[in-house]
Amino acid sequence: MVGEYKVSRKQIINIINIINMKTAIIYYSKKGTTQKVAKIISEKLNSEEDLINLKQNTPLDISSYDRIIIGTPIYAGNSSKKVKKFIVANLNHLQKKEIGLYVCGMEKEEEKQREELERAYPKELIDKAKSKQFLGGEFLFENMNFFERMIIKKIAKTDKSISEINHQNIDRFVQELSL
């Protein structure tokens, strides 16, 4: 025996409730990064999750879910219009659920990351969210058209694919949701 742990009845009930929670991870992914992050989050959670890409799935009934995680990419400082439209259409339902919010983007400055997160979601959802994180992003040149590659080359001064997904923030996000 390595060690003995004392766990209260309340802690056991909380763990059982978290494991039995039905979760929807709802996201929009244009180039694949926000979807990749949604899959990583799903693998790290110990509950039943449905991955729903708003690129293909609308309209959407969220009434059967206990927890909703919403992810959006940030392009040129702006979040997805489909995610914003989904939130507006479902705000009353979302306010009754446990919420997690994340954004994917390539902004390096922490203050600007926070601003992008705050611009991406309504204040009432941000205030309610159990966890909210900026989870990094990628420049995937193989998924970009000519115009997009030219813009990224000029702004980011790179001509190669870059992955800056923040696994530490993903772990923090999942841990906060699991408390």
Foldseek 3Di string as FASTA:
>chain_A
DPDDDDDDPVRVVLQVCQLAFEEEEEEADDQCWQVVLSVVLVVPGNHHYDYHHLVPDPDDDPQVGQEYEYEFEADPLETDPSSVVNCVVCVVVNLRHAYEYEYEYADDDPVSLVVSQPRHDDPSRVVRHLYYYYFYYKDDLVRDDPVVQVVCCVPVVDNHIDGDGHVVRSVVRSVSVSD
